[in-house]
N, C-alpha and C. Protein backbone atom coordinates (compact mmCIF):
# COMPACT_ATOMS: atom_id res chain seq x y z
N MET A 1 -17.74 1.91 -8.66
CA MET A 1 -16.92 0.74 -8.41
C MET A 1 -17.76 -0.48 -8.07
N SER A 2 -18.88 -0.31 -7.38
CA SER A 2 -19.65 -1.47 -6.97
C SER A 2 -20.18 -2.25 -8.17
N THR A 3 -20.55 -1.57 -9.24
CA THR A 3 -21.02 -2.26 -10.44
C THR A 3 -19.90 -3.11 -11.02
N GLU A 4 -18.70 -2.55 -11.09
CA GLU A 4 -17.56 -3.31 -11.59
C GLU A 4 -17.27 -4.51 -10.69
N ALA A 5 -17.33 -4.30 -9.37
CA ALA A 5 -17.03 -5.38 -8.44
C ALA A 5 -18.03 -6.52 -8.62
N GLU A 6 -19.30 -6.18 -8.74
CA GLU A 6 -20.31 -7.22 -8.89
C GLU A 6 -20.16 -7.94 -10.22
N SER A 7 -19.91 -7.20 -11.29
CA SER A 7 -19.86 -7.81 -12.61
C SER A 7 -18.53 -8.52 -12.88
N ASN A 8 -17.52 -8.25 -12.10
CA ASN A 8 -16.21 -8.85 -12.35
C ASN A 8 -15.78 -9.81 -11.26
N ASP A 9 -16.69 -10.20 -10.38
CA ASP A 9 -16.36 -11.19 -9.36
C ASP A 9 -15.12 -10.80 -8.58
N GLY A 10 -15.06 -9.60 -8.07
CA GLY A 10 -13.88 -9.15 -7.33
C GLY A 10 -14.17 -8.96 -5.86
N ALA A 11 -13.15 -8.51 -5.14
CA ALA A 11 -13.29 -8.23 -3.71
C ALA A 11 -14.23 -7.04 -3.51
N ALA A 12 -14.87 -7.00 -2.37
CA ALA A 12 -15.85 -5.95 -2.07
C ALA A 12 -15.18 -4.67 -1.57
N VAL A 13 -14.21 -4.19 -2.31
CA VAL A 13 -13.50 -2.95 -1.97
C VAL A 13 -14.30 -1.80 -2.57
N ARG A 14 -14.66 -0.82 -1.74
CA ARG A 14 -15.54 0.26 -2.18
C ARG A 14 -14.86 1.62 -2.32
N PHE A 15 -13.61 1.71 -1.87
CA PHE A 15 -12.88 2.99 -1.91
C PHE A 15 -11.48 2.71 -2.42
N PRO A 16 -11.01 3.44 -3.40
CA PRO A 16 -9.67 3.16 -3.95
C PRO A 16 -8.56 3.37 -2.92
N PRO A 17 -7.85 2.31 -2.55
CA PRO A 17 -6.80 2.42 -1.53
C PRO A 17 -5.74 3.50 -1.78
N PRO A 18 -5.34 3.81 -3.03
CA PRO A 18 -4.32 4.85 -3.21
C PRO A 18 -4.73 6.23 -2.69
N PHE A 19 -6.02 6.46 -2.54
CA PHE A 19 -6.45 7.75 -2.01
C PHE A 19 -6.15 7.90 -0.51
N VAL A 20 -6.02 6.78 0.20
CA VAL A 20 -5.79 6.84 1.64
C VAL A 20 -4.47 7.53 1.97
N PRO A 21 -3.32 7.13 1.39
CA PRO A 21 -2.09 7.86 1.71
C PRO A 21 -2.09 9.30 1.20
N LEU A 22 -2.80 9.56 0.12
CA LEU A 22 -2.88 10.95 -0.37
C LEU A 22 -3.62 11.83 0.64
N ILE A 23 -4.71 11.30 1.19
CA ILE A 23 -5.46 12.03 2.21
C ILE A 23 -4.59 12.22 3.45
N ALA A 24 -3.88 11.16 3.86
CA ALA A 24 -3.02 11.26 5.05
C ALA A 24 -1.88 12.25 4.83
N LEU A 25 -1.33 12.28 3.64
CA LEU A 25 -0.27 13.24 3.31
C LEU A 25 -0.79 14.66 3.47
N ALA A 26 -1.94 14.93 2.90
CA ALA A 26 -2.53 16.27 3.00
C ALA A 26 -2.88 16.60 4.45
N LEU A 27 -3.47 15.64 5.16
CA LEU A 27 -3.85 15.87 6.55
C LEU A 27 -2.62 16.13 7.42
N GLY A 28 -1.54 15.38 7.20
CA GLY A 28 -0.31 15.59 7.95
C GLY A 28 0.26 16.97 7.74
N ILE A 29 0.22 17.45 6.51
CA ILE A 29 0.72 18.79 6.22
C ILE A 29 -0.17 19.85 6.84
N VAL A 30 -1.49 19.66 6.77
CA VAL A 30 -2.43 20.62 7.37
C VAL A 30 -2.23 20.69 8.88
N ILE A 31 -2.13 19.55 9.53
CA ILE A 31 -1.92 19.55 10.99
C ILE A 31 -0.60 20.24 11.32
N HIS A 32 0.43 19.95 10.55
CA HIS A 32 1.73 20.58 10.79
C HIS A 32 1.64 22.10 10.66
N LEU A 33 0.96 22.57 9.64
CA LEU A 33 0.91 24.00 9.37
C LEU A 33 -0.07 24.75 10.26
N SER A 34 -1.13 24.08 10.73
CA SER A 34 -2.17 24.84 11.43
C SER A 34 -2.37 24.47 12.89
N VAL A 35 -1.93 23.30 13.32
CA VAL A 35 -2.21 22.88 14.69
C VAL A 35 -0.95 22.67 15.51
N LEU A 36 -0.15 21.72 15.11
CA LEU A 36 1.03 21.34 15.89
C LEU A 36 2.18 20.97 14.96
N PRO A 37 3.10 21.89 14.72
CA PRO A 37 4.22 21.56 13.84
C PRO A 37 5.21 20.60 14.51
N LEU A 38 5.41 19.47 13.89
CA LEU A 38 6.41 18.51 14.35
C LEU A 38 7.36 18.27 13.18
N ARG A 39 8.59 18.71 13.34
CA ARG A 39 9.57 18.56 12.26
C ARG A 39 10.38 17.28 12.45
N ILE A 40 10.80 16.72 11.37
CA ILE A 40 11.66 15.55 11.40
C ILE A 40 13.05 16.02 11.85
N PRO A 41 13.58 15.41 12.92
CA PRO A 41 14.84 15.90 13.49
C PRO A 41 16.09 15.42 12.75
N LEU A 42 16.05 15.39 11.44
CA LEU A 42 17.20 15.00 10.64
C LEU A 42 17.52 16.12 9.66
N GLU A 43 18.78 16.31 9.40
CA GLU A 43 19.19 17.38 8.48
C GLU A 43 20.11 16.82 7.41
N GLY A 44 20.23 17.55 6.35
CA GLY A 44 21.22 17.31 5.30
C GLY A 44 21.17 15.92 4.70
N MET A 45 22.35 15.36 4.53
CA MET A 45 22.50 14.08 3.84
C MET A 45 21.79 12.94 4.57
N LEU A 46 21.74 12.99 5.89
CA LEU A 46 21.06 11.94 6.63
C LEU A 46 19.57 11.91 6.27
N ARG A 47 18.95 13.08 6.25
CA ARG A 47 17.53 13.17 5.91
C ARG A 47 17.30 12.75 4.46
N TYR A 48 18.13 13.26 3.55
CA TYR A 48 17.96 12.91 2.14
C TYR A 48 18.28 11.45 1.87
N GLY A 49 19.24 10.90 2.61
CA GLY A 49 19.57 9.48 2.46
C GLY A 49 18.41 8.60 2.90
N LEU A 50 17.82 8.93 4.06
CA LEU A 50 16.66 8.18 4.53
C LEU A 50 15.51 8.30 3.54
N ALA A 51 15.27 9.50 3.06
CA ALA A 51 14.20 9.72 2.08
C ALA A 51 14.45 8.90 0.82
N ALA A 52 15.69 8.87 0.36
CA ALA A 52 16.02 8.12 -0.86
C ALA A 52 15.77 6.63 -0.68
N VAL A 53 16.13 6.10 0.50
CA VAL A 53 15.90 4.68 0.77
C VAL A 53 14.40 4.39 0.78
N LEU A 54 13.63 5.21 1.50
CA LEU A 54 12.18 5.00 1.58
C LEU A 54 11.52 5.11 0.20
N LEU A 55 11.87 6.15 -0.53
CA LEU A 55 11.29 6.35 -1.86
C LEU A 55 11.74 5.26 -2.83
N GLY A 56 13.01 4.89 -2.76
CA GLY A 56 13.52 3.84 -3.64
C GLY A 56 12.84 2.50 -3.40
N LEU A 57 12.70 2.12 -2.12
CA LEU A 57 12.00 0.87 -1.80
C LEU A 57 10.54 0.93 -2.23
N GLY A 58 9.91 2.08 -2.00
CA GLY A 58 8.51 2.25 -2.39
C GLY A 58 8.32 2.10 -3.89
N VAL A 59 9.17 2.74 -4.66
CA VAL A 59 9.08 2.64 -6.13
C VAL A 59 9.38 1.21 -6.58
N PHE A 60 10.41 0.59 -6.00
CA PHE A 60 10.76 -0.78 -6.36
C PHE A 60 9.58 -1.73 -6.14
N LEU A 61 8.96 -1.64 -4.97
CA LEU A 61 7.82 -2.52 -4.68
C LEU A 61 6.64 -2.26 -5.61
N MET A 62 6.33 -0.99 -5.85
CA MET A 62 5.19 -0.66 -6.70
C MET A 62 5.42 -1.11 -8.14
N VAL A 63 6.58 -0.80 -8.67
CA VAL A 63 6.89 -1.19 -10.05
C VAL A 63 6.90 -2.72 -10.18
N GLY A 64 7.50 -3.38 -9.20
CA GLY A 64 7.54 -4.84 -9.23
C GLY A 64 6.15 -5.46 -9.17
N ALA A 65 5.30 -4.95 -8.29
CA ALA A 65 3.95 -5.50 -8.14
C ALA A 65 3.09 -5.23 -9.37
N VAL A 66 3.07 -3.99 -9.81
CA VAL A 66 2.26 -3.64 -10.98
C VAL A 66 2.78 -4.37 -12.22
N GLY A 67 4.09 -4.49 -12.34
CA GLY A 67 4.67 -5.22 -13.46
C GLY A 67 4.21 -6.67 -13.50
N LEU A 68 4.16 -7.32 -12.34
CA LEU A 68 3.68 -8.70 -12.29
C LEU A 68 2.21 -8.80 -12.68
N PHE A 69 1.42 -7.84 -12.24
CA PHE A 69 0.00 -7.83 -12.63
C PHE A 69 -0.11 -7.71 -14.15
N ARG A 70 0.64 -6.81 -14.72
CA ARG A 70 0.57 -6.59 -16.18
C ARG A 70 1.05 -7.83 -16.94
N ARG A 71 2.16 -8.43 -16.48
CA ARG A 71 2.70 -9.61 -17.17
C ARG A 71 1.74 -10.79 -17.13
N THR A 72 0.94 -10.89 -16.07
CA THR A 72 -0.01 -12.00 -15.96
C THR A 72 -1.38 -11.62 -16.52
N GLY A 73 -1.50 -10.43 -17.10
CA GLY A 73 -2.76 -10.01 -17.71
C GLY A 73 -3.83 -9.63 -16.72
N GLN A 74 -3.42 -9.27 -15.51
CA GLN A 74 -4.39 -8.89 -14.48
C GLN A 74 -4.42 -7.38 -14.30
N ASP A 75 -5.51 -6.91 -13.74
CA ASP A 75 -5.67 -5.50 -13.43
C ASP A 75 -5.46 -5.34 -11.92
N PRO A 76 -4.63 -4.40 -11.48
CA PRO A 76 -4.37 -4.27 -10.04
C PRO A 76 -5.51 -3.67 -9.22
N LYS A 77 -6.57 -3.22 -9.86
CA LYS A 77 -7.70 -2.67 -9.09
C LYS A 77 -8.29 -3.78 -8.22
N PRO A 78 -8.35 -3.56 -6.90
CA PRO A 78 -8.75 -4.65 -6.01
C PRO A 78 -10.21 -5.07 -6.13
N TRP A 79 -11.05 -4.27 -6.74
CA TRP A 79 -12.47 -4.63 -6.86
C TRP A 79 -12.74 -5.45 -8.12
N LEU A 80 -11.72 -5.68 -8.94
CA LEU A 80 -11.88 -6.51 -10.13
C LEU A 80 -11.48 -7.95 -9.82
N GLY A 81 -11.98 -8.88 -10.58
CA GLY A 81 -11.70 -10.29 -10.37
C GLY A 81 -10.23 -10.64 -10.52
N THR A 82 -9.82 -11.69 -9.83
CA THR A 82 -8.44 -12.17 -9.86
C THR A 82 -8.43 -13.57 -10.46
N PRO A 83 -7.85 -13.75 -11.64
CA PRO A 83 -7.84 -15.08 -12.25
C PRO A 83 -6.80 -16.04 -11.65
N GLU A 84 -5.75 -15.49 -11.03
CA GLU A 84 -4.73 -16.35 -10.42
C GLU A 84 -4.00 -15.59 -9.32
N ILE A 85 -3.43 -16.36 -8.40
CA ILE A 85 -2.65 -15.76 -7.32
C ILE A 85 -1.23 -15.53 -7.82
N ILE A 86 -0.73 -14.34 -7.58
CA ILE A 86 0.66 -14.03 -7.92
C ILE A 86 1.49 -14.26 -6.66
N SER A 87 2.46 -15.15 -6.74
CA SER A 87 3.29 -15.46 -5.57
C SER A 87 4.78 -15.39 -5.88
N THR A 88 5.11 -14.76 -7.00
CA THR A 88 6.52 -14.63 -7.39
C THR A 88 6.95 -13.17 -7.24
N GLY A 89 8.21 -12.91 -7.55
CA GLY A 89 8.71 -11.53 -7.48
C GLY A 89 8.55 -10.95 -6.08
N VAL A 90 8.09 -9.72 -6.00
CA VAL A 90 7.94 -9.05 -4.70
C VAL A 90 6.88 -9.72 -3.84
N TYR A 91 6.00 -10.49 -4.46
CA TYR A 91 4.96 -11.20 -3.70
C TYR A 91 5.53 -12.40 -2.93
N ARG A 92 6.79 -12.71 -3.09
CA ARG A 92 7.44 -13.74 -2.26
C ARG A 92 7.75 -13.19 -0.88
N PHE A 93 7.82 -11.86 -0.75
CA PHE A 93 8.24 -11.23 0.50
C PHE A 93 7.11 -10.55 1.27
N THR A 94 6.08 -10.12 0.57
CA THR A 94 4.94 -9.47 1.20
C THR A 94 3.69 -9.75 0.37
N ARG A 95 2.57 -10.00 1.05
CA ARG A 95 1.32 -10.23 0.33
C ARG A 95 0.74 -8.93 -0.21
N ASN A 96 1.20 -7.81 0.29
CA ASN A 96 0.63 -6.52 -0.09
C ASN A 96 1.71 -5.51 -0.49
N PRO A 97 2.50 -5.82 -1.51
CA PRO A 97 3.59 -4.91 -1.85
C PRO A 97 3.12 -3.52 -2.29
N MET A 98 1.95 -3.44 -2.92
CA MET A 98 1.47 -2.11 -3.33
C MET A 98 1.11 -1.26 -2.12
N TYR A 99 0.51 -1.87 -1.13
CA TYR A 99 0.12 -1.11 0.07
C TYR A 99 1.35 -0.76 0.91
N VAL A 100 2.30 -1.68 1.01
CA VAL A 100 3.56 -1.36 1.69
C VAL A 100 4.24 -0.21 0.97
N SER A 101 4.24 -0.28 -0.36
CA SER A 101 4.83 0.77 -1.18
C SER A 101 4.20 2.13 -0.91
N MET A 102 2.88 2.15 -0.81
CA MET A 102 2.19 3.43 -0.57
C MET A 102 2.65 4.06 0.75
N GLY A 103 2.81 3.24 1.78
CA GLY A 103 3.29 3.75 3.06
C GLY A 103 4.73 4.24 2.98
N LEU A 104 5.58 3.48 2.29
CA LEU A 104 6.98 3.89 2.14
C LEU A 104 7.09 5.18 1.34
N LEU A 105 6.31 5.31 0.29
CA LEU A 105 6.33 6.54 -0.51
C LEU A 105 5.83 7.73 0.30
N GLN A 106 4.78 7.51 1.08
CA GLN A 106 4.27 8.58 1.94
C GLN A 106 5.34 9.02 2.93
N ALA A 107 5.98 8.05 3.58
CA ALA A 107 7.04 8.38 4.55
C ALA A 107 8.20 9.09 3.86
N GLY A 108 8.59 8.60 2.70
CA GLY A 108 9.69 9.23 1.96
C GLY A 108 9.38 10.66 1.58
N ILE A 109 8.16 10.91 1.15
CA ILE A 109 7.75 12.28 0.82
C ILE A 109 7.76 13.15 2.08
N GLY A 110 7.26 12.59 3.17
CA GLY A 110 7.26 13.34 4.43
C GLY A 110 8.65 13.72 4.88
N VAL A 111 9.60 12.82 4.70
CA VAL A 111 10.98 13.08 5.10
C VAL A 111 11.66 14.05 4.14
N ALA A 112 11.54 13.81 2.85
CA ALA A 112 12.31 14.57 1.86
C ALA A 112 11.73 15.93 1.54
N VAL A 113 10.49 15.95 1.17
CA VAL A 113 9.90 17.17 0.62
C VAL A 113 9.26 18.01 1.71
N ALA A 114 8.38 17.39 2.44
CA ALA A 114 7.61 18.16 3.41
C ALA A 114 8.35 18.36 4.73
N LYS A 115 9.25 17.44 5.08
CA LYS A 115 9.96 17.47 6.36
C LYS A 115 8.97 17.57 7.52
N ARG A 116 7.85 16.91 7.35
CA ARG A 116 6.76 16.95 8.32
C ARG A 116 6.63 15.59 9.00
N LEU A 117 6.83 15.55 10.30
CA LEU A 117 6.75 14.30 11.04
C LEU A 117 5.35 13.70 11.01
N TRP A 118 4.32 14.55 10.98
CA TRP A 118 2.95 14.04 10.95
C TRP A 118 2.72 13.13 9.74
N VAL A 119 3.29 13.47 8.62
CA VAL A 119 3.12 12.65 7.42
C VAL A 119 3.66 11.25 7.67
N VAL A 120 4.79 11.15 8.35
CA VAL A 120 5.40 9.86 8.65
C VAL A 120 4.62 9.13 9.74
N VAL A 121 4.19 9.85 10.76
CA VAL A 121 3.43 9.26 11.86
C VAL A 121 2.14 8.61 11.36
N PHE A 122 1.56 9.16 10.32
CA PHE A 122 0.29 8.64 9.79
C PHE A 122 0.45 7.35 8.98
N VAL A 123 1.66 6.90 8.69
CA VAL A 123 1.83 5.69 7.88
C VAL A 123 1.15 4.47 8.51
N PRO A 124 1.35 4.17 9.80
CA PRO A 124 0.63 3.02 10.37
C PRO A 124 -0.89 3.20 10.32
N VAL A 125 -1.36 4.43 10.46
CA VAL A 125 -2.80 4.70 10.36
C VAL A 125 -3.27 4.38 8.94
N VAL A 126 -2.49 4.78 7.96
CA VAL A 126 -2.82 4.48 6.56
C VAL A 126 -2.92 2.98 6.35
N TRP A 127 -1.96 2.23 6.86
CA TRP A 127 -1.99 0.77 6.70
C TRP A 127 -3.20 0.17 7.42
N LEU A 128 -3.55 0.70 8.58
CA LEU A 128 -4.74 0.20 9.28
C LEU A 128 -6.00 0.49 8.46
N VAL A 129 -6.12 1.69 7.96
CA VAL A 129 -7.30 2.05 7.15
C VAL A 129 -7.36 1.18 5.89
N ILE A 130 -6.23 0.98 5.24
CA ILE A 130 -6.21 0.14 4.03
C ILE A 130 -6.59 -1.30 4.39
N TYR A 131 -6.15 -1.78 5.54
CA TYR A 131 -6.58 -3.11 5.98
C TYR A 131 -8.10 -3.14 6.11
N LEU A 132 -8.65 -2.12 6.77
CA LEU A 132 -10.09 -2.10 7.03
C LEU A 132 -10.93 -1.93 5.77
N ILE A 133 -10.47 -1.14 4.82
CA ILE A 133 -11.29 -0.88 3.63
C ILE A 133 -10.96 -1.79 2.45
N ALA A 134 -9.82 -2.47 2.48
CA ALA A 134 -9.44 -3.26 1.31
C ALA A 134 -8.92 -4.66 1.64
N ILE A 135 -7.87 -4.75 2.42
CA ILE A 135 -7.18 -6.03 2.60
C ILE A 135 -8.10 -7.11 3.14
N ARG A 136 -8.89 -6.80 4.14
CA ARG A 136 -9.75 -7.85 4.71
C ARG A 136 -10.75 -8.36 3.68
N TYR A 137 -11.22 -7.49 2.81
CA TYR A 137 -12.14 -7.92 1.75
C TYR A 137 -11.41 -8.70 0.66
N GLU A 138 -10.21 -8.25 0.33
CA GLU A 138 -9.41 -8.96 -0.67
C GLU A 138 -9.08 -10.37 -0.19
N GLU A 139 -8.67 -10.49 1.08
CA GLU A 139 -8.30 -11.80 1.59
C GLU A 139 -9.50 -12.73 1.68
N ALA A 140 -10.65 -12.21 2.08
CA ALA A 140 -11.86 -13.04 2.13
C ALA A 140 -12.21 -13.53 0.73
N TYR A 141 -12.13 -12.64 -0.24
CA TYR A 141 -12.41 -13.00 -1.64
C TYR A 141 -11.44 -14.07 -2.13
N LEU A 142 -10.15 -13.87 -1.87
CA LEU A 142 -9.13 -14.81 -2.34
C LEU A 142 -9.26 -16.17 -1.66
N GLU A 143 -9.58 -16.18 -0.37
CA GLU A 143 -9.78 -17.45 0.34
C GLU A 143 -10.98 -18.19 -0.23
N GLU A 144 -12.05 -17.45 -0.49
CA GLU A 144 -13.25 -18.09 -1.04
C GLU A 144 -12.98 -18.62 -2.45
N LYS A 145 -12.28 -17.86 -3.25
CA LYS A 145 -12.06 -18.24 -4.65
C LYS A 145 -11.00 -19.33 -4.81
N PHE A 146 -9.90 -19.24 -4.05
CA PHE A 146 -8.77 -20.15 -4.26
C PHE A 146 -8.56 -21.17 -3.14
N GLY A 147 -9.28 -21.05 -2.03
CA GLY A 147 -9.19 -22.02 -0.95
C GLY A 147 -7.80 -22.21 -0.40
N SER A 148 -7.37 -23.49 -0.32
CA SER A 148 -6.09 -23.81 0.31
C SER A 148 -4.89 -23.24 -0.45
N LEU A 149 -5.04 -23.03 -1.74
CA LEU A 149 -3.94 -22.42 -2.50
C LEU A 149 -3.60 -21.05 -1.91
N TYR A 150 -4.64 -20.27 -1.58
CA TYR A 150 -4.38 -18.95 -1.00
C TYR A 150 -4.02 -19.05 0.48
N THR A 151 -4.68 -19.91 1.24
CA THR A 151 -4.35 -20.01 2.67
C THR A 151 -2.93 -20.52 2.87
N ASP A 152 -2.45 -21.41 2.00
CA ASP A 152 -1.06 -21.86 2.08
C ASP A 152 -0.10 -20.70 1.79
N TYR A 153 -0.43 -19.92 0.77
CA TYR A 153 0.39 -18.74 0.44
C TYR A 153 0.38 -17.76 1.62
N LYS A 154 -0.80 -17.54 2.17
CA LYS A 154 -0.95 -16.62 3.29
C LYS A 154 -0.14 -17.08 4.51
N ALA A 155 -0.08 -18.37 4.71
CA ALA A 155 0.67 -18.91 5.85
C ALA A 155 2.18 -18.79 5.64
N SER A 156 2.62 -18.71 4.40
CA SER A 156 4.06 -18.69 4.14
C SER A 156 4.63 -17.31 3.84
N VAL A 157 3.77 -16.31 3.60
CA VAL A 157 4.24 -14.96 3.26
C VAL A 157 3.55 -13.96 4.18
N ARG A 158 4.32 -13.09 4.78
CA ARG A 158 3.77 -12.09 5.69
C ARG A 158 2.93 -11.05 4.94
N ARG A 159 2.00 -10.45 5.68
CA ARG A 159 1.17 -9.42 5.08
C ARG A 159 1.98 -8.19 4.71
N TRP A 160 2.79 -7.71 5.64
CA TRP A 160 3.49 -6.44 5.42
C TRP A 160 4.95 -6.65 5.09
N PHE A 161 5.74 -7.14 6.05
CA PHE A 161 7.19 -7.24 5.85
C PHE A 161 7.68 -8.64 6.12
């Protein structure tokens, strides 16, 4: 990835962010099965309804964000260069819809399939790790490349929700 980042004028992201929730999902299940089982205290339709909302929002945000990248001819990989700031669609509500989506999908899976509270508890940890390994580098890159255009966008749209 570093060669691509250097040659494509992108953010200094060195680890693919989608792997973070996958690792947290696996870790949550392992902790549940081997150390301390914490079950989600919801049953039946309430649990499945919550899972459906989380998964639905997660899919909506991801499809919306990736779709905007594709329509503008950009690649969503954070280590590749960004020719323009996307501020329409789901990017009107959150600066990081893909990362929000990853957390919502992780929580939805934890509620629906695994019924493991640890998977859900790790969502804020996932967002913190993604901030540390990706977002801070992406924002520094975007501020340097686009200046006030990006800082104005940043001031008007929240990072997460």
